[in-house]
N, C-alpha and C. Protein backbone atom coordinates (compact mmCIF):
# COMPACT_ATOMS: atom_id res chain seq x y z
N MET A 1 1.24 27.41 -22.14
CA MET A 1 0.65 26.14 -22.08
C MET A 1 0.31 25.72 -23.88
N GLY A 2 1.22 24.61 -24.13
CA GLY A 2 1.08 24.01 -25.32
C GLY A 2 -0.20 23.25 -25.82
N CYS A 3 -1.15 23.61 -26.43
CA CYS A 3 -1.92 22.61 -26.79
C CYS A 3 -2.11 22.18 -28.43
N TRP A 4 -2.18 20.69 -28.54
CA TRP A 4 -2.51 20.54 -30.02
C TRP A 4 -3.97 19.77 -30.19
N GLY A 5 -4.90 20.02 -29.15
CA GLY A 5 -5.86 19.26 -29.43
C GLY A 5 -7.09 19.93 -28.63
N VAL A 6 -8.09 19.10 -28.62
CA VAL A 6 -9.51 19.30 -27.66
C VAL A 6 -9.53 18.39 -26.64
N LYS A 7 -8.53 17.51 -26.51
CA LYS A 7 -8.69 16.37 -25.22
C LYS A 7 -8.03 16.83 -24.04
N SER A 8 -8.38 16.25 -23.04
CA SER A 8 -7.68 17.57 -21.84
C SER A 8 -6.42 16.60 -21.44
N TYR A 9 -5.84 15.78 -22.21
CA TYR A 9 -4.30 15.49 -22.18
C TYR A 9 -3.75 15.60 -23.44
N GLU A 10 -4.38 16.58 -24.23
CA GLU A 10 -3.58 16.99 -25.28
C GLU A 10 -2.74 18.20 -25.21
N ASN A 11 -2.11 18.20 -24.16
CA ASN A 11 -1.27 19.91 -23.72
C ASN A 11 0.06 19.31 -23.28
N ASP A 12 1.07 20.24 -23.33
CA ASP A 12 2.36 19.73 -22.79
C ASP A 12 2.44 19.33 -21.45
N ASP A 13 1.87 19.94 -20.58
CA ASP A 13 1.60 19.42 -19.36
C ASP A 13 1.29 18.06 -18.88
N ALA A 14 0.24 17.93 -19.33
CA ALA A 14 -0.59 16.59 -19.19
C ALA A 14 0.70 15.45 -19.92
N ALA A 15 1.22 15.93 -21.19
CA ALA A 15 2.05 14.69 -21.89
C ALA A 15 3.18 14.50 -21.04
N ASP A 16 3.78 15.45 -20.41
CA ASP A 16 4.80 15.41 -19.52
C ASP A 16 4.55 14.39 -18.53
N ALA A 17 3.91 14.95 -17.79
CA ALA A 17 3.31 14.46 -16.44
C ALA A 17 2.91 12.74 -16.85
N LEU A 18 2.12 12.45 -17.87
CA LEU A 18 1.92 11.07 -18.25
C LEU A 18 3.31 10.28 -18.75
N ASP A 19 4.28 11.13 -19.54
CA ASP A 19 5.46 10.36 -19.75
C ASP A 19 6.47 10.09 -18.57
N ALA A 20 6.28 10.86 -17.35
CA ALA A 20 6.97 10.43 -16.43
C ALA A 20 6.42 9.65 -15.48
N GLY A 21 5.21 9.59 -15.63
CA GLY A 21 4.51 8.48 -14.80
C GLY A 21 4.69 7.25 -15.54
N PHE A 22 4.68 7.06 -16.75
CA PHE A 22 4.91 5.86 -17.28
C PHE A 22 6.17 5.26 -17.16
N ASP A 23 7.11 6.04 -17.14
CA ASP A 23 8.80 6.04 -17.13
C ASP A 23 8.94 5.65 -15.87
N ARG A 24 8.43 6.45 -14.57
CA ARG A 24 8.88 6.15 -13.13
C ARG A 24 8.52 4.43 -12.79
N VAL A 25 7.01 4.38 -13.11
CA VAL A 25 6.62 2.91 -12.79
C VAL A 25 7.24 1.89 -13.91
N CYS A 26 7.09 2.33 -15.16
CA CYS A 26 7.44 0.95 -16.03
C CYS A 26 9.30 0.92 -16.53
N GLY A 27 9.91 2.28 -16.07
CA GLY A 27 10.80 2.30 -16.87
C GLY A 27 11.32 1.79 -17.82
N PRO A 28 12.23 0.95 -18.09
CA PRO A 28 13.08 0.26 -19.24
C PRO A 28 11.70 -0.52 -20.18
N ALA A 29 10.59 -1.23 -19.83
CA ALA A 29 9.57 -1.79 -20.48
C ALA A 29 9.06 -0.32 -21.04
N TYR A 30 8.60 0.56 -20.43
CA TYR A 30 8.14 1.72 -21.21
C TYR A 30 9.22 2.53 -22.55
N GLU A 31 10.44 2.43 -21.95
CA GLU A 31 11.16 2.90 -23.12
C GLU A 31 11.12 1.80 -24.50
N GLU A 32 11.36 0.72 -24.13
CA GLU A 32 11.40 -0.37 -25.14
C GLU A 32 9.87 -0.33 -25.88
N LEU A 33 8.72 -0.42 -25.07
CA LEU A 33 7.83 -0.15 -25.96
C LEU A 33 7.47 1.01 -26.85
N MET A 34 8.01 2.12 -26.25
CA MET A 34 8.08 3.67 -27.14
C MET A 34 9.42 3.50 -28.29
N ASP A 35 9.90 2.55 -28.47
CA ASP A 35 10.81 2.43 -29.35
C ASP A 35 10.12 2.54 -30.94
N ASP A 36 10.90 3.26 -31.42
CA ASP A 36 10.15 3.36 -33.00
C ASP A 36 9.80 2.17 -33.76
N HIS A 37 10.43 1.13 -33.50
CA HIS A 37 10.52 -0.38 -34.23
C HIS A 37 9.50 -1.35 -33.58
N ASN A 38 8.90 -0.59 -32.79
CA ASN A 38 7.80 -1.48 -32.05
C ASN A 38 6.62 -1.19 -32.69
N PRO A 39 5.86 -1.83 -33.15
CA PRO A 39 4.66 -1.88 -33.94
C PRO A 39 3.15 -1.18 -33.09
N LEU A 40 3.48 -1.09 -31.83
CA LEU A 40 2.42 -0.68 -30.96
C LEU A 40 2.39 0.73 -31.02
N SER A 41 1.07 1.45 -31.27
CA SER A 41 0.78 2.74 -31.55
C SER A 41 1.00 3.50 -30.31
N PHE A 42 1.27 4.72 -30.15
CA PHE A 42 1.20 5.56 -28.72
C PHE A 42 0.12 5.06 -27.52
N ASP A 43 -0.83 5.31 -28.28
CA ASP A 43 -1.87 4.91 -27.46
C ASP A 43 -2.29 3.30 -26.93
N GLU A 44 -1.65 2.47 -27.81
CA GLU A 44 -1.62 0.93 -27.37
C GLU A 44 -0.42 0.73 -26.25
N VAL A 45 0.59 1.87 -26.34
CA VAL A 45 1.56 1.57 -25.33
C VAL A 45 0.77 1.80 -23.92
N GLN A 46 0.23 3.33 -24.33
CA GLN A 46 -0.17 3.93 -22.57
C GLN A 46 -1.28 2.82 -22.47
N ARG A 47 -2.37 2.16 -23.07
CA ARG A 47 -3.37 1.27 -22.71
C ARG A 47 -2.58 0.35 -22.07
N THR A 48 -1.72 -0.40 -22.60
CA THR A 48 -1.01 -1.74 -22.26
C THR A 48 -0.21 -1.70 -20.74
N LEU A 49 0.16 0.02 -20.42
CA LEU A 49 1.00 0.34 -19.11
C LEU A 49 0.16 0.97 -17.90
N ALA A 50 -0.97 1.43 -18.51
CA ALA A 50 -1.73 2.60 -17.42
C ALA A 50 -2.12 1.61 -16.62
N THR A 51 -1.74 1.78 -15.19
CA THR A 51 -2.28 1.37 -14.10
C THR A 51 -2.54 2.20 -13.06
N PRO A 52 -3.09 1.86 -11.64
CA PRO A 52 -3.29 2.90 -10.58
C PRO A 52 -1.87 3.53 -10.19
N GLN A 53 -0.93 3.21 -10.05
CA GLN A 53 0.54 3.05 -9.90
C GLN A 53 1.13 4.28 -10.77
N THR A 54 0.93 4.17 -12.15
CA THR A 54 1.21 5.05 -13.16
C THR A 54 0.40 6.34 -13.37
N LEU A 55 -1.24 6.69 -12.65
CA LEU A 55 -1.72 7.69 -12.41
C LEU A 55 -1.26 8.01 -11.47
N GLU A 56 -1.06 7.48 -10.19
CA GLU A 56 -0.15 8.03 -8.78
C GLU A 56 1.03 8.72 -9.23
N ALA A 57 1.82 8.18 -10.06
CA ALA A 57 3.27 8.89 -10.25
C ALA A 57 2.90 10.03 -11.48
N ALA A 58 2.26 9.66 -11.91
CA ALA A 58 1.88 10.82 -13.13
C ALA A 58 1.39 12.40 -12.39
N LEU A 59 0.33 12.16 -11.57
CA LEU A 59 -0.35 13.08 -10.68
C LEU A 59 0.72 13.63 -9.61
N ALA A 60 1.89 12.89 -8.78
CA ALA A 60 3.01 13.11 -8.34
C ALA A 60 3.81 14.08 -9.23
N PHE A 61 4.38 13.66 -10.55
CA PHE A 61 5.40 14.63 -10.88
C PHE A 61 4.57 15.78 -11.37
N LEU A 62 3.26 15.91 -11.31
CA LEU A 62 2.61 17.15 -11.91
C LEU A 62 2.55 18.06 -10.66
N THR A 63 2.53 17.76 -9.63
CA THR A 63 2.74 18.54 -8.23
C THR A 63 4.25 18.99 -8.22
N GLU A 64 4.69 18.17 -8.43
CA GLU A 64 6.45 18.11 -8.00
C GLU A 64 6.82 19.65 -9.19
N SER A 65 6.36 19.61 -10.16
CA SER A 65 6.32 20.70 -10.97
C SER A 65 5.96 22.22 -10.53
N LEU A 66 5.01 21.85 -9.71
CA LEU A 66 4.56 23.27 -9.36
C LEU A 66 5.03 23.80 -7.75
N PRO A 67 5.05 25.13 -7.36
CA PRO A 67 5.53 25.34 -6.26
C PRO A 67 5.36 24.62 -4.98
N ALA A 68 6.00 24.22 -4.37
CA ALA A 68 6.03 23.30 -3.07
C ALA A 68 5.09 23.71 -1.95
N GLY A 69 4.09 22.73 -1.72
CA GLY A 69 3.42 23.17 -1.09
C GLY A 69 1.89 23.96 -1.50
N LEU A 70 2.10 23.96 -2.59
CA LEU A 70 1.25 24.91 -3.18
C LEU A 70 -0.70 23.97 -3.25
N PRO A 71 -1.45 24.57 -2.65
CA PRO A 71 -2.92 23.70 -2.10
C PRO A 71 -3.44 23.60 -3.74
N ARG A 72 -3.98 22.55 -3.98
CA ARG A 72 -4.82 22.22 -5.16
C ARG A 72 -5.94 23.46 -5.77
N GLU A 73 -6.39 23.84 -4.70
CA GLU A 73 -7.20 24.85 -5.07
C GLU A 73 -6.66 26.41 -5.57
N SER A 74 -5.35 26.28 -5.31
CA SER A 74 -4.65 27.46 -5.85
C SER A 74 -3.87 27.31 -7.22
N TRP A 75 -4.07 25.82 -7.73
CA TRP A 75 -3.45 26.09 -9.01
C TRP A 75 -4.02 26.86 -10.11
N GLU A 76 -3.17 27.15 -11.21
CA GLU A 76 -3.95 27.51 -12.27
C GLU A 76 -4.46 26.91 -13.24
N GLU A 77 -4.96 27.81 -14.23
CA GLU A 77 -6.12 26.99 -15.16
C GLU A 77 -5.28 25.41 -16.16
N ASP A 78 -4.11 25.75 -16.24
CA ASP A 78 -2.78 24.60 -17.04
C ASP A 78 -2.70 23.77 -16.38
N ALA A 79 -2.11 24.01 -15.27
CA ALA A 79 -2.00 22.76 -14.13
C ALA A 79 -3.51 22.10 -13.90
N ARG A 80 -4.64 22.53 -13.76
CA ARG A 80 -5.67 22.00 -13.69
C ARG A 80 -6.15 21.15 -14.70
N LEU A 81 -5.92 21.85 -16.17
CA LEU A 81 -6.12 20.99 -16.87
C LEU A 81 -5.45 19.66 -17.35
N ALA A 82 -4.31 19.95 -17.06
CA ALA A 82 -3.24 19.06 -16.96
C ALA A 82 -3.66 17.51 -16.20
N PHE A 83 -3.68 18.02 -14.71
CA PHE A 83 -4.42 17.06 -13.69
C PHE A 83 -5.72 16.27 -14.35
N VAL A 84 -6.50 17.04 -15.02
CA VAL A 84 -8.04 16.43 -15.64
C VAL A 84 -7.06 15.68 -16.65
N GLY A 85 -6.44 15.97 -17.50
CA GLY A 85 -5.78 15.31 -18.36
C GLY A 85 -5.14 14.19 -18.20
N VAL A 86 -4.46 13.79 -17.42
CA VAL A 86 -4.03 12.52 -16.70
C VAL A 86 -5.03 11.50 -15.97
N VAL A 87 -5.78 12.17 -15.43
CA VAL A 87 -6.92 11.44 -14.88
C VAL A 87 -7.79 10.84 -15.97
N VAL A 88 -8.23 11.63 -17.00
CA VAL A 88 -9.22 11.45 -18.18
C VAL A 88 -8.28 10.20 -18.64
N ARG A 89 -7.18 10.37 -19.28
CA ARG A 89 -6.39 9.48 -19.81
C ARG A 89 -6.33 8.00 -18.97
N HIS A 90 -6.24 8.06 -18.01
CA HIS A 90 -6.31 6.51 -17.34
C HIS A 90 -7.82 6.15 -17.52
N ALA A 91 -8.63 7.12 -17.19
CA ALA A 91 -10.05 6.53 -17.09
C ALA A 91 -10.35 5.92 -18.41
N GLU A 92 -9.95 6.47 -19.19
CA GLU A 92 -10.10 5.95 -20.66
C GLU A 92 -9.49 4.61 -20.88
N PHE A 93 -8.53 4.27 -20.05
CA PHE A 93 -7.87 2.91 -20.45
C PHE A 93 -8.29 1.77 -19.17
N GLY A 94 -9.54 2.29 -18.61
CA GLY A 94 -10.29 1.46 -17.57
C GLY A 94 -9.54 1.22 -15.99
N VAL A 95 -8.46 2.30 -15.92
CA VAL A 95 -7.94 2.35 -14.67
C VAL A 95 -8.52 2.89 -13.55
N ALA A 96 -9.02 2.05 -12.25
CA ALA A 96 -9.97 2.48 -11.43
C ALA A 96 -9.33 3.95 -10.79
N ILE A 97 -10.39 4.89 -10.66
CA ILE A 97 -9.68 6.27 -10.56
C ILE A 97 -10.12 6.30 -8.64
N PRO A 98 -9.15 6.62 -7.92
CA PRO A 98 -9.42 7.13 -6.65
C PRO A 98 -10.68 8.38 -6.63
N GLU A 99 -11.64 8.07 -5.64
CA GLU A 99 -12.83 8.87 -5.65
C GLU A 99 -12.71 10.22 -5.64
N PRO A 100 -11.73 10.80 -4.63
CA PRO A 100 -11.02 12.13 -4.30
C PRO A 100 -10.70 13.00 -6.07
N ILE A 101 -10.18 11.99 -6.35
CA ILE A 101 -9.16 12.27 -7.55
C ILE A 101 -10.54 12.35 -8.63
N ARG A 102 -11.12 11.89 -8.73
CA ARG A 102 -12.31 11.68 -9.85
C ARG A 102 -13.32 12.96 -9.44
N ARG A 103 -13.73 13.23 -8.23
CA ARG A 103 -13.96 14.28 -7.97
C ARG A 103 -13.87 15.89 -8.42
N GLN A 104 -12.22 15.64 -7.71
CA GLN A 104 -11.44 16.95 -8.23
C GLN A 104 -11.64 17.13 -10.05
N ALA A 105 -11.12 15.95 -10.33
CA ALA A 105 -11.19 16.16 -11.88
C ALA A 105 -12.50 16.76 -12.71
N LEU A 106 -13.67 16.14 -12.01
CA LEU A 106 -15.12 16.48 -12.33
C LEU A 106 -15.27 18.14 -12.18
N GLU A 107 -14.82 18.50 -11.07
CA GLU A 107 -14.91 19.76 -10.47
C GLU A 107 -14.50 20.76 -11.24
N TRP A 108 -13.07 20.38 -11.53
CA TRP A 108 -12.40 21.25 -12.69
C TRP A 108 -12.86 21.33 -13.98
N LEU A 109 -13.31 20.51 -14.43
CA LEU A 109 -13.98 20.19 -15.84
C LEU A 109 -15.10 21.00 -16.05
N ALA A 110 -15.82 20.81 -14.88
CA ALA A 110 -17.25 21.79 -14.81
C ALA A 110 -16.86 23.19 -14.82
N GLY A 111 -15.95 23.47 -14.19
CA GLY A 111 -15.41 24.76 -14.01
C GLY A 111 -14.29 25.31 -14.90
N GLU A 112 -13.86 24.86 -16.02
CA GLU A 112 -13.17 25.25 -16.82
C GLU A 112 -13.25 26.80 -17.37
N ASP A 113 -12.06 27.12 -17.68
CA ASP A 113 -12.11 29.03 -17.75
C ASP A 113 -10.99 28.91 -18.98
N ILE A 114 -10.88 28.22 -20.05
CA ILE A 114 -9.92 28.67 -20.64
C ILE A 114 -10.29 28.84 -22.16
N ASP A 115 -9.95 29.64 -22.67
CA ASP A 115 -10.17 30.33 -24.07
C ASP A 115 -9.40 29.31 -25.17
N TRP A 116 -10.60 28.45 -25.83
CA TRP A 116 -9.87 27.26 -27.06
C TRP A 116 -9.90 28.28 -28.22
N ASP A 117 -8.87 27.72 -28.96
CA ASP A 117 -9.13 27.82 -30.59
C ASP A 117 -10.44 27.18 -31.17
N GLU A 118 -10.45 25.96 -30.75
CA GLU A 118 -11.82 25.17 -30.87
C GLU A 118 -12.61 24.82 -29.99
N ALA A 119 -13.63 26.30 -29.84
CA ALA A 119 -14.11 26.16 -28.34
C ALA A 119 -15.25 25.02 -28.62
N THR A 120 -16.15 25.06 -29.56
CA THR A 120 -17.11 24.61 -29.81
C THR A 120 -16.78 22.82 -29.96
N LEU A 121 -15.75 22.37 -30.62
CA LEU A 121 -15.06 21.38 -29.89
C LEU A 121 -14.70 20.39 -28.90
N ARG A 122 -14.08 21.93 -28.04
CA ARG A 122 -13.66 21.65 -26.66
C ARG A 122 -14.92 21.17 -25.64
N ARG A 123 -15.79 22.18 -26.09
CA ARG A 123 -17.06 22.01 -25.40
C ARG A 123 -17.28 20.60 -25.30
N LEU A 124 -17.69 20.15 -26.51
CA LEU A 124 -18.25 18.73 -26.86
C LEU A 124 -17.47 17.73 -26.16
N ARG A 125 -15.81 17.98 -26.21
CA ARG A 125 -14.61 16.96 -25.72
C ARG A 125 -15.29 16.59 -24.26
N SER A 126 -15.13 17.98 -23.27
CA SER A 126 -15.08 18.30 -22.20
C SER A 126 -16.68 17.46 -21.76
N GLY A 127 -17.66 17.58 -22.51
CA GLY A 127 -18.86 16.68 -22.07
C GLY A 127 -18.61 15.01 -21.80
N LYS A 128 -17.53 14.83 -23.31
CA LYS A 128 -17.57 13.42 -23.46
C LYS A 128 -16.64 13.15 -21.96
N GLU A 129 -15.85 14.09 -21.77
CA GLU A 129 -14.54 13.56 -20.83
C GLU A 129 -15.28 13.51 -19.09
N ARG A 130 -16.52 14.21 -18.94
CA ARG A 130 -17.67 14.27 -17.77
C ARG A 130 -17.93 13.24 -17.46
N ALA A 131 -18.81 12.76 -18.87
CA ALA A 131 -19.42 11.65 -18.76
C ALA A 131 -19.00 10.09 -18.36
N LEU A 132 -17.54 10.40 -19.07
CA LEU A 132 -16.51 9.07 -18.68
C LEU A 132 -16.00 9.07 -17.25
N LEU A 133 -15.71 10.11 -16.63
CA LEU A 133 -15.40 10.27 -15.32
C LEU A 133 -16.62 9.71 -14.48
N GLU A 134 -17.86 10.28 -14.68
CA GLU A 134 -19.07 10.39 -13.91
C GLU A 134 -19.77 8.61 -13.86
N ARG A 135 -19.15 7.85 -14.88
CA ARG A 135 -19.16 6.42 -14.98
C ARG A 135 -18.16 5.60 -14.89
N SER A 136 -16.93 6.15 -14.84
CA SER A 136 -15.90 5.32 -14.61
C SER A 136 -15.97 4.50 -13.25
N VAL A 137 -15.46 3.50 -13.37
CA VAL A 137 -15.12 2.64 -11.86
C VAL A 137 -14.30 3.51 -10.85
N THR A 138 -14.61 3.53 -9.64
CA THR A 138 -13.44 4.43 -8.60
C THR A 138 -12.95 2.96 -7.94
N ARG A 139 -12.00 3.70 -7.31
CA ARG A 139 -10.79 2.44 -6.69
C ARG A 139 -11.70 1.76 -5.75
N ASP A 140 -12.98 2.56 -4.96
CA ASP A 140 -13.58 1.71 -3.66
C ASP A 140 -14.51 0.66 -4.56
N GLN A 141 -14.90 0.83 -5.80
CA GLN A 141 -15.97 0.02 -6.49
C GLN A 141 -15.43 -1.01 -7.25
N ALA A 142 -14.06 -0.94 -7.42
CA ALA A 142 -12.91 -1.73 -8.31
C ALA A 142 -13.34 -3.44 -7.62
N PRO A 143 -13.33 -4.38 -8.11
CA PRO A 143 -13.29 -5.71 -7.62
C PRO A 143 -11.96 -6.02 -6.93
């Protein structure tokens, strides 16, 4: 697993799942916004396009990348981190998260057992991510 930061979505698996989710749902619009000539930043593009559908598509891509029929409780740490990253990224953008998915992400964040190069920074970031998910709007609460 390649990680380039301490945020849950700053790893190759989460980035691939997010990219696939936006591409599957938004297609040409995503490609156009990601063009180097577009003045929007990467974060602004994802914020603009993030929806419950992109969340579902990204998680579906992640699930498809694992052995068929593998139950979530058997996922390895890198797949769990990618799942959490996809959920956190969408929560950051105000997307209502389905309660079972939010609970799963919180559980995996709390039980994270990955050795990080920047362990203290990751621990601080993980706490912020848990707080974000704990206060995030779930789909059941959304207007």
